[in-house]
Amino acid sequence: MKAFGGPVLFLDRSDINTDEIIPAKYLTEITKEDLKPYILEDLKLPGFDPKGEKTKSARVIVSRANFGCGSSREHAPWVFEVNGITAVIAESFARIFRQNMFNCGMAAIELPKEKIDALFAYAGAPDTTISLDVATQTLSVRGAGKEETFSFDISPFDKALVLAGGWVDYADQKY
């Protein structure tokens, strides 16, 4: 089973759209791997560098509400997948983006604002990591010498997709 977690990239904004995740001009690339260098290329946040070490080392993204809004495209989760990002945690997701994450075997975890705020309290710690246990529906955040654990909800079907490794692997196991 895939491990979910690692270093965290905090993106402190709501309404991060799929064009900011992977610009439309790259949708003609032939393979997922070809998308890799363009992750978050058009995202504008103070102090954010899409080519920086924090982006390159990230395995988990924490953001605000309505993450993945805009055009529906599988390319947005794909660019995360090829860059080693296994989970996005936000207050809410655009419906199609969230389902595309699950279909690709990645975790899209919704938490209420107060829990997201608690995660953002770790944003200043350079050693912050998050580990997720999808089976038990818990996540642990560690940084600056502190640790907290949160529970999260995920539907039984979406949980099965993630645990199977995505829709194709799920279908291979079930049909």
Protein backbone atom coordinates (compact mmCIF):
# COMPACT_ATOMS: atom_id res chain seq x y z
CA MET A 1 0.00 0.00 0.00
CA LYS A 2 1.14 3.55 -0.78
CA ALA A 3 2.47 5.66 2.09
CA PHE A 4 0.67 8.96 2.50
CA GLY A 5 2.60 11.83 3.95
CA GLY A 6 5.87 13.63 4.28
CA PRO A 7 7.04 17.25 4.12
CA VAL A 8 4.24 19.81 3.82
CA LEU A 9 3.70 22.65 1.35
CA PHE A 10 1.34 25.23 2.87
CA LEU A 11 -0.66 27.22 0.28
CA ASP A 12 -2.55 29.81 2.30
CA ARG A 13 -5.32 30.79 -0.09
CA SER A 14 -8.81 29.69 -1.05
CA ASP A 15 -9.93 29.03 -4.63
CA ILE A 16 -6.65 27.68 -6.02
CA ASN A 17 -7.77 26.59 -9.47
CA THR A 18 -6.62 23.91 -11.87
CA ASP A 19 -4.98 26.48 -14.18
CA GLU A 20 -2.73 27.49 -11.29
CA ILE A 21 -2.02 23.83 -10.48
CA ILE A 22 -1.07 23.01 -14.08
CA PRO A 23 -1.42 25.73 -16.73
CA ALA A 24 -3.62 24.83 -19.70
CA LYS A 25 -0.79 25.40 -22.18
CA TYR A 26 0.79 22.13 -20.96
CA LEU A 27 -2.26 19.93 -21.46
CA THR A 28 -0.94 18.76 -24.81
CA GLU A 29 2.02 16.97 -23.18
CA ILE A 30 2.03 13.26 -24.00
CA THR A 31 2.88 11.70 -20.61
CA LYS A 32 2.23 12.52 -16.98
CA GLU A 33 5.99 12.77 -16.45
CA ASP A 34 6.14 15.58 -19.04
CA LEU A 35 3.93 17.68 -16.72
CA LYS A 36 6.35 17.44 -13.79
CA PRO A 37 8.33 20.69 -14.17
CA TYR A 38 5.19 22.84 -14.48
CA ILE A 39 3.61 22.13 -11.08
CA LEU A 40 1.95 25.24 -9.62
CA GLU A 41 3.75 27.36 -12.22
CA ASP A 42 1.05 30.06 -12.38
CA LEU A 43 0.25 30.17 -8.64
CA LYS A 44 0.93 33.62 -7.26
CA LEU A 45 1.35 33.79 -3.47
CA PRO A 46 3.68 36.07 -1.49
CA GLY A 47 7.02 34.28 -1.04
CA PHE A 48 5.97 31.20 -3.03
CA ASP A 49 8.43 29.74 -5.53
CA PRO A 50 7.02 26.90 -7.67
CA LYS A 51 10.59 25.83 -8.52
CA GLY A 52 11.81 26.10 -4.92
CA GLU A 53 12.95 23.33 -2.58
CA LYS A 54 9.72 23.41 -0.53
CA THR A 55 7.71 22.61 -3.64
CA LYS A 56 10.14 19.94 -4.82
CA SER A 57 10.27 18.15 -1.45
CA ALA A 58 6.55 18.39 -0.64
CA ARG A 59 4.52 15.20 -0.30
CA VAL A 60 1.43 16.84 1.24
CA ILE A 61 -0.30 20.14 0.45
CA VAL A 62 -2.41 22.02 3.00
CA SER A 63 -4.65 24.76 1.64
CA ARG A 64 -7.92 26.58 2.24
CA ALA A 65 -11.42 26.28 0.73
CA ASN A 66 -12.50 25.27 -2.78
CA PHE A 67 -9.17 23.74 -3.80
CA GLY A 68 -9.02 22.54 -7.42
CA CYS A 69 -11.82 24.73 -8.73
CA GLY A 70 -11.98 25.80 -12.37
CA SER A 71 -11.68 23.53 -15.36
CA SER A 72 -12.18 19.83 -14.79
CA ARG A 73 -9.05 17.98 -15.81
CA GLU A 74 -7.18 14.94 -14.59
CA HIS A 75 -3.91 16.74 -15.32
CA ALA A 76 -4.14 18.62 -12.00
CA PRO A 77 -3.92 15.47 -9.82
CA TRP A 78 -1.47 13.94 -12.31
CA VAL A 79 1.05 16.77 -11.83
CA PHE A 80 0.86 16.17 -8.08
CA GLU A 81 1.28 12.43 -8.58
CA VAL A 82 4.43 12.72 -10.71
CA ASN A 83 5.89 15.16 -8.20
CA GLY A 84 5.38 12.71 -5.31
CA ILE A 85 2.49 14.52 -3.66
CA THR A 86 0.19 11.90 -2.15
CA ALA A 87 -2.35 14.06 -0.33
CA VAL A 88 -4.03 17.45 -0.38
CA ILE A 89 -5.75 18.64 2.79
CA ALA A 90 -8.18 21.56 2.54
CA GLU A 91 -11.43 22.94 3.94
CA SER A 92 -13.21 21.90 0.75
CA PHE A 93 -12.53 20.80 -2.82
CA ALA A 94 -14.13 21.29 -6.18
CA ARG A 95 -16.13 18.09 -6.67
CA ILE A 96 -14.45 16.89 -9.88
CA PHE A 97 -10.94 17.63 -8.63
CA ARG A 98 -11.61 15.71 -5.41
CA GLN A 99 -12.91 12.69 -7.30
CA ASN A 100 -9.99 12.78 -9.73
CA MET A 101 -7.64 12.65 -6.73
CA PHE A 102 -9.39 9.53 -5.41
CA ASN A 103 -9.51 7.99 -8.89
CA CYS A 104 -5.72 8.40 -9.09
CA GLY A 105 -5.27 6.77 -5.67
CA MET A 106 -4.38 9.98 -3.85
CA ALA A 107 -5.98 11.39 -0.72
CA ALA A 108 -8.13 14.53 -0.82
CA ILE A 109 -8.94 15.19 2.83
CA GLU A 110 -11.48 17.76 3.93
CA LEU A 111 -11.19 19.24 7.40
CA PRO A 112 -13.19 22.01 9.06
CA LYS A 113 -11.68 25.50 9.14
CA GLU A 114 -10.57 25.24 12.77
CA LYS A 115 -8.53 22.10 12.02
CA ILE A 116 -7.05 23.69 8.90
CA ASP A 117 -6.12 26.73 11.03
CA ALA A 118 -4.44 24.35 13.53
CA LEU A 119 -2.42 22.81 10.68
CA PHE A 120 -1.41 26.26 9.42
CA ALA A 121 0.00 26.99 12.89
CA TYR A 122 2.82 24.63 11.83
CA ALA A 123 3.54 26.53 8.60
CA GLY A 124 6.50 28.41 10.05
CA ALA A 125 8.30 25.27 11.21
CA PRO A 126 10.74 24.12 8.51
CA ASP A 127 10.54 20.48 9.63
CA THR A 128 6.75 20.09 9.47
CA THR A 129 5.53 16.72 8.23
CA ILE A 130 2.11 15.14 8.01
CA SER A 131 1.41 11.43 7.92
CA LEU A 132 -1.98 10.03 6.99
CA ASP A 133 -3.46 6.68 7.81
CA VAL A 134 -6.32 6.37 5.35
CA ALA A 135 -7.42 3.02 6.80
CA THR A 136 -7.98 4.50 10.29
CA GLN A 137 -8.90 7.95 8.93
CA THR A 138 -6.35 9.84 11.03
CA LEU A 139 -3.55 12.24 10.26
CA SER A 140 -0.66 13.39 12.41
CA VAL A 141 1.19 16.67 12.02
CA ARG A 142 4.67 17.10 13.49
CA GLY A 143 6.86 20.18 13.60
CA ALA A 144 8.69 22.56 15.91
CA GLY A 145 8.79 19.86 18.60
CA LYS A 146 5.00 19.46 18.67
CA GLU A 147 2.61 16.81 17.39
CA GLU A 148 -1.17 16.66 16.96
CA THR A 149 -3.49 14.01 15.57
CA PHE A 150 -6.77 14.67 13.79
CA SER A 151 -9.47 12.35 12.50
CA PHE A 152 -11.10 12.87 9.11
CA ASP A 153 -14.08 11.51 7.20
CA ILE A 154 -13.94 9.83 3.82
CA SER A 155 -16.70 7.85 2.15
CA PRO A 156 -16.28 4.06 2.13
CA PHE A 157 -16.05 4.00 -1.68
CA ASP A 158 -13.48 6.80 -1.92
CA LYS A 159 -11.49 5.15 0.87
CA ALA A 160 -11.53 1.89 -1.09
CA LEU A 161 -10.30 3.72 -4.22
CA VAL A 162 -7.40 5.31 -2.34
CA LEU A 163 -6.44 2.10 -0.54
CA ALA A 164 -6.55 0.16 -3.82
CA GLY A 165 -4.24 2.67 -5.51
CA GLY A 166 -6.90 4.33 -7.68
CA TRP A 167 -9.81 3.46 -9.92
CA VAL A 168 -7.94 1.14 -12.33
CA ASP A 169 -6.43 -0.96 -9.51
CA TYR A 170 -9.77 -0.99 -7.69
CA ALA A 171 -11.54 -2.24 -10.83
CA ASP A 172 -8.84 -4.89 -11.38
CA GLN A 173 -9.43 -6.16 -7.83
CA LYS A 174 -13.23 -6.12 -8.00
CA TYR A 175 -14.17 -7.03 -11.57
